[in-house]
Amino acid sequence: MLVLGVFASVGGLAGAVRGVATGASVFQVLAALGIGVLGLTLAIAYVVDFGER
């Protein structure tokens, strides 16, 4: 799950940057940022859960 979270986070942020650079619509950029935020949340939750064990 950590790897999935990291990949989603990096992919979402890279997609948002590319969307801004190519002039994509606001909704497309926000969707990419949302994927990045969800990936970051997943990675942080995995690390916190692993620390509690």
PDB file of N, CA and C in Angstrom:
ATOM      1  N   MET A   1       0.824  -1.197   0.000  1.00  0.00           N
ATOM      2  CA  MET A   1       0.000   0.000   0.000  1.00  0.00           C
ATOM      3  C   MET A   1       0.866   1.259   0.000  1.00  0.00           C
ATOM      4  N   LEU A   2       2.028   1.173   0.616  1.00  0.00           N
ATOM      5  CA  LEU A   2       2.909   2.329   0.636  1.00  0.00           C
ATOM      6  C   LEU A   2       3.346   2.691  -0.785  1.00  0.00           C
ATOM      7  N   VAL A   3       3.705   1.686  -1.552  1.00  0.00           N
ATOM      8  CA  VAL A   3       4.162   1.933  -2.925  1.00  0.00           C
ATOM      9  C   VAL A   3       3.027   2.523  -3.760  1.00  0.00           C
ATOM     10  N   LEU A   4       1.826   1.984  -3.601  1.00  0.00           N
ATOM     11  CA  LEU A   4       0.677   2.513  -4.324  1.00  0.00           C
ATOM     12  C   LEU A   4       0.429   3.976  -3.955  1.00  0.00           C
ATOM     13  N   GLY A   5       0.535   4.293  -2.689  1.00  0.00           N
ATOM     14  CA  GLY A   5       0.340   5.667  -2.242  1.00  0.00           C
ATOM     15  C   GLY A   5       1.385   6.611  -2.803  1.00  0.00           C
ATOM     16  N   VAL A   6       2.631   6.166  -2.810  1.00  0.00           N
ATOM     17  CA  VAL A   6       3.705   7.005  -3.345  1.00  0.00           C
ATOM     18  C   VAL A   6       3.531   7.209  -4.840  1.00  0.00           C
ATOM     19  N   PHE A   7       3.212   6.129  -5.564  1.00  0.00           N
ATOM     20  CA  PHE A   7       3.012   6.257  -7.016  1.00  0.00           C
ATOM     21  C   PHE A   7       1.830   7.171  -7.333  1.00  0.00           C
ATOM     22  N   ALA A   8       0.744   7.040  -6.598  1.00  0.00           N
ATOM     23  CA  ALA A   8      -0.416   7.890  -6.835  1.00  0.00           C
ATOM     24  C   ALA A   8      -0.101   9.347  -6.516  1.00  0.00           C
ATOM     25  N   SER A   9       0.654   9.559  -5.466  1.00  0.00           N
ATOM     26  CA  SER A   9       1.017  10.919  -5.081  1.00  0.00           C
ATOM     27  C   SER A   9       1.895  11.573  -6.144  1.00  0.00           C
ATOM     28  N   VAL A  10       2.915  10.872  -6.578  1.00  0.00           N
ATOM     29  CA  VAL A  10       3.820  11.415  -7.594  1.00  0.00           C
ATOM     30  C   VAL A  10       3.088  11.594  -8.922  1.00  0.00           C
ATOM     31  N   GLY A  11       2.294  10.611  -9.293  1.00  0.00           N
ATOM     32  CA  GLY A  11       1.548  10.699 -10.544  1.00  0.00           C
ATOM     33  C   GLY A  11       0.537  11.832 -10.542  1.00  0.00           C
ATOM     34  N   GLY A  12      -0.144  12.014  -9.431  1.00  0.00           N
ATOM     35  CA  GLY A  12      -1.118  13.097  -9.329  1.00  0.00           C
ATOM     36  C   GLY A  12      -0.478  14.469  -9.400  1.00  0.00           C
ATOM     37  N   LEU A  13       0.635  14.634  -8.700  1.00  0.00           N
ATOM     38  CA  LEU A  13       1.316  15.922  -8.743  1.00  0.00           C
ATOM     39  C   LEU A  13       1.916  16.190 -10.118  1.00  0.00           C
ATOM     40  N   ALA A  14       2.504  15.162 -10.730  1.00  0.00           N
ATOM     41  CA  ALA A  14       3.064  15.336 -12.073  1.00  0.00           C
ATOM     42  C   ALA A  14       1.958  15.621 -13.091  1.00  0.00           C
ATOM     43  N   GLY A  15       0.826  14.959 -12.948  1.00  0.00           N
ATOM     44  CA  GLY A  15      -0.295  15.212 -13.838  1.00  0.00           C
ATOM     45  C   GLY A  15      -0.845  16.618 -13.691  1.00  0.00           C
ATOM     46  N   ALA A  16      -0.869  17.113 -12.477  1.00  0.00           N
ATOM     47  CA  ALA A  16      -1.347  18.479 -12.253  1.00  0.00           C
ATOM     48  C   ALA A  16      -0.390  19.494 -12.862  1.00  0.00           C
ATOM     49  N   VAL A  17       0.896  19.275 -12.698  1.00  0.00           N
ATOM     50  CA  VAL A  17       1.885  20.187 -13.276  1.00  0.00           C
ATOM     51  C   VAL A  17       1.793  20.163 -14.797  1.00  0.00           C
ATOM     52  N   ARG A  18       1.664  18.973 -15.366  1.00  0.00           N
ATOM     53  CA  ARG A  18       1.542  18.870 -16.825  1.00  0.00           C
ATOM     54  C   ARG A  18       0.242  19.526 -17.307  1.00  0.00           C
ATOM     55  N   GLY A  19      -0.825  19.352 -16.550  1.00  0.00           N
ATOM     56  CA  GLY A  19      -2.086  19.973 -16.918  1.00  0.00           C
ATOM     57  C   GLY A  19      -2.012  21.481 -16.924  1.00  0.00           C
ATOM     58  N   VAL A  20      -1.330  22.040 -15.942  1.00  0.00           N
ATOM     59  CA  VAL A  20      -1.164  23.489 -15.894  1.00  0.00           C
ATOM     60  C   VAL A  20      -0.290  23.959 -17.060  1.00  0.00           C
ATOM     61  N   ALA A  21       0.754  23.202 -17.355  1.00  0.00           N
ATOM     62  CA  ALA A  21       1.677  23.589 -18.427  1.00  0.00           C
ATOM     63  C   ALA A  21       1.014  23.518 -19.800  1.00  0.00           C
ATOM     64  N   THR A  22       0.100  22.577 -20.002  1.00  0.00           N
ATOM     65  CA  THR A  22      -0.536  22.425 -21.312  1.00  0.00           C
ATOM     66  C   THR A  22      -1.838  23.206 -21.424  1.00  0.00           C
ATOM     67  N   GLY A  23      -2.263  23.830 -20.356  1.00  0.00           N
ATOM     68  CA  GLY A  23      -3.479  24.633 -20.408  1.00  0.00           C
ATOM     69  C   GLY A  23      -4.758  23.821 -20.267  1.00  0.00           C
ATOM     70  N   ALA A  24      -4.726  22.761 -19.480  1.00  0.00           N
ATOM     71  CA  ALA A  24      -5.914  21.936 -19.262  1.00  0.00           C
ATOM     72  C   ALA A  24      -6.942  22.717 -18.449  1.00  0.00           C
ATOM     73  N   SER A  25      -8.149  22.195 -18.432  1.00  0.00           N
ATOM     74  CA  SER A  25      -9.203  22.879 -17.671  1.00  0.00           C
ATOM     75  C   SER A  25      -8.951  22.745 -16.177  1.00  0.00           C
ATOM     76  N   VAL A  26      -9.620  23.578 -15.436  1.00  0.00           N
ATOM     77  CA  VAL A  26      -9.449  23.594 -13.984  1.00  0.00           C
ATOM     78  C   VAL A  26      -9.860  22.261 -13.372  1.00  0.00           C
ATOM     79  N   PHE A  27     -10.921  21.667 -13.893  1.00  0.00           N
ATOM     80  CA  PHE A  27     -11.401  20.409 -13.331  1.00  0.00           C
ATOM     81  C   PHE A  27     -10.405  19.276 -13.552  1.00  0.00           C
ATOM     82  N   GLN A  28      -9.732  19.268 -14.694  1.00  0.00           N
ATOM     83  CA  GLN A  28      -8.725  18.238 -14.948  1.00  0.00           C
ATOM     84  C   GLN A  28      -7.531  18.390 -14.017  1.00  0.00           C
ATOM     85  N   VAL A  29      -7.121  19.619 -13.785  1.00  0.00           N
ATOM     86  CA  VAL A  29      -6.004  19.863 -12.866  1.00  0.00           C
ATOM     87  C   VAL A  29      -6.401  19.492 -11.444  1.00  0.00           C
ATOM     88  N   LEU A  30      -7.617  19.850 -11.038  1.00  0.00           N
ATOM     89  CA  LEU A  30      -8.072  19.503  -9.690  1.00  0.00           C
ATOM     90  C   LEU A  30      -8.227  17.997  -9.514  1.00  0.00           C
ATOM     91  N   ALA A  31      -8.633  17.296 -10.559  1.00  0.00           N
ATOM     92  CA  ALA A  31      -8.744  15.836 -10.473  1.00  0.00           C
ATOM     93  C   ALA A  31      -7.366  15.215 -10.269  1.00  0.00           C
ATOM     94  N   ALA A  32      -6.374  15.704 -10.985  1.00  0.00           N
ATOM     95  CA  ALA A  32      -5.016  15.178 -10.821  1.00  0.00           C
ATOM     96  C   ALA A  32      -4.486  15.500  -9.419  1.00  0.00           C
ATOM     97  N   LEU A  33      -4.746  16.698  -8.945  1.00  0.00           N
ATOM     98  CA  LEU A  33      -4.323  17.046  -7.586  1.00  0.00           C
ATOM     99  C   LEU A  33      -5.041  16.195  -6.539  1.00  0.00           C
ATOM    100  N   GLY A  34      -6.312  15.889  -6.786  1.00  0.00           N
ATOM    101  CA  GLY A  34      -7.060  15.026  -5.867  1.00  0.00           C
ATOM    102  C   GLY A  34      -6.458  13.633  -5.783  1.00  0.00           C
ATOM    103  N   ILE A  35      -6.038  13.105  -6.913  1.00  0.00           N
ATOM    104  CA  ILE A  35      -5.381  11.794  -6.916  1.00  0.00           C
ATOM    105  C   ILE A  35      -4.085  11.868  -6.124  1.00  0.00           C
ATOM    106  N   GLY A  36      -3.347  12.942  -6.296  1.00  0.00           N
ATOM    107  CA  GLY A  36      -2.105  13.111  -5.536  1.00  0.00           C
ATOM    108  C   GLY A  36      -2.337  13.206  -4.041  1.00  0.00           C
ATOM    109  N   VAL A  37      -3.372  13.926  -3.652  1.00  0.00           N
ATOM    110  CA  VAL A  37      -3.682  14.066  -2.223  1.00  0.00           C
ATOM    111  C   VAL A  37      -4.135  12.728  -1.635  1.00  0.00           C
ATOM    112  N   LEU A  38      -4.952  11.996  -2.373  1.00  0.00           N
ATOM    113  CA  LEU A  38      -5.381  10.682  -1.887  1.00  0.00           C
ATOM    114  C   LEU A  38      -4.203   9.722  -1.757  1.00  0.00           C
ATOM    115  N   GLY A  39      -3.284   9.765  -2.708  1.00  0.00           N
ATOM    116  CA  GLY A  39      -2.086   8.928  -2.624  1.00  0.00           C
ATOM    117  C   GLY A  39      -1.225   9.298  -1.434  1.00  0.00           C
ATOM    118  N   LEU A  40      -1.072  10.588  -1.202  1.00  0.00           N
ATOM    119  CA  LEU A  40      -0.287  11.032  -0.052  1.00  0.00           C
ATOM    120  C   LEU A  40      -0.946  10.604   1.254  1.00  0.00           C
ATOM    121  N   THR A  41      -2.263  10.700   1.319  1.00  0.00           N
ATOM    122  CA  THR A  41      -2.997  10.259   2.505  1.00  0.00           C
ATOM    123  C   THR A  41      -2.819   8.763   2.733  1.00  0.00           C
ATOM    124  N   LEU A  42      -2.871   7.991   1.665  1.00  0.00           N
ATOM    125  CA  LEU A  42      -2.684   6.544   1.775  1.00  0.00           C
ATOM    126  C   LEU A  42      -1.286   6.210   2.273  1.00  0.00           C
ATOM    127  N   ALA A  43      -0.280   6.882   1.758  1.00  0.00           N
ATOM    128  CA  ALA A  43       1.093   6.623   2.186  1.00  0.00           C
ATOM    129  C   ALA A  43       1.298   7.014   3.651  1.00  0.00           C
ATOM    130  N   ILE A  44       0.760   8.159   4.051  1.00  0.00           N
ATOM    131  CA  ILE A  44       0.904   8.594   5.445  1.00  0.00           C
ATOM    132  C   ILE A  44       0.170   7.645   6.388  1.00  0.00           C
ATOM    133  N   ALA A  45      -1.014   7.207   5.989  1.00  0.00           N
ATOM    134  CA  ALA A  45      -1.766   6.274   6.833  1.00  0.00           C
ATOM    135  C   ALA A  45      -1.022   4.958   6.997  1.00  0.00           C
ATOM    136  N   TYR A  46      -0.366   4.497   5.947  1.00  0.00           N
ATOM    137  CA  TYR A  46       0.414   3.261   6.045  1.00  0.00           C
ATOM    138  C   TYR A  46       1.579   3.424   7.018  1.00  0.00           C
ATOM    139  N   VAL A  47       2.284   4.556   6.923  1.00  0.00           N
ATOM    140  CA  VAL A  47       3.428   4.781   7.804  1.00  0.00           C
ATOM    141  C   VAL A  47       2.984   4.909   9.254  1.00  0.00           C
ATOM    142  N   VAL A  48       1.886   5.604   9.496  1.00  0.00           N
ATOM    143  CA  VAL A  48       1.395   5.760  10.865  1.00  0.00           C
ATOM    144  C   VAL A  48       0.955   4.415  11.429  1.00  0.00           C
ATOM    145  N   ASP A  49       0.252   3.622  10.618  1.00  0.00           N
ATOM    146  CA  ASP A  49      -0.181   2.304  11.069  1.00  0.00           C
ATOM    147  C   ASP A  49       1.011   1.392  11.331  1.00  0.00           C
ATOM    148  N   PHE A  50       2.025   1.473  10.475  1.00  0.00           N
ATOM    149  CA  PHE A  50       3.212   0.644  10.664  1.00  0.00           C
ATOM    150  C   PHE A  50       3.955   1.065  11.933  1.00  0.00           C
ATOM    151  N   GLY A  51       3.946   2.367  12.234  1.00  0.00           N
ATOM    152  CA  GLY A  51       4.602   2.855  13.450  1.00  0.00           C
ATOM    153  C   GLY A  51       3.881   2.413  14.718  1.00  0.00           C
ATOM    154  N   GLU A  52       2.577   2.223  14.642  1.00  0.00           N
ATOM    155  CA  GLU A  52       1.826   1.801  15.828  1.00  0.00           C
ATOM    156  C   GLU A  52       1.996   0.311  16.130  1.00  0.00           C
ATOM    157  N   ARG A  53       2.385  -0.444  15.126  1.00  0.00           N
ATOM    158  CA  ARG A  53       2.569  -1.891  15.340  1.00  0.00           C
ATOM    159  C   ARG A  53       3.827  -2.129  16.031  1.00  0.00           C
TER     160      ARG A  53
END
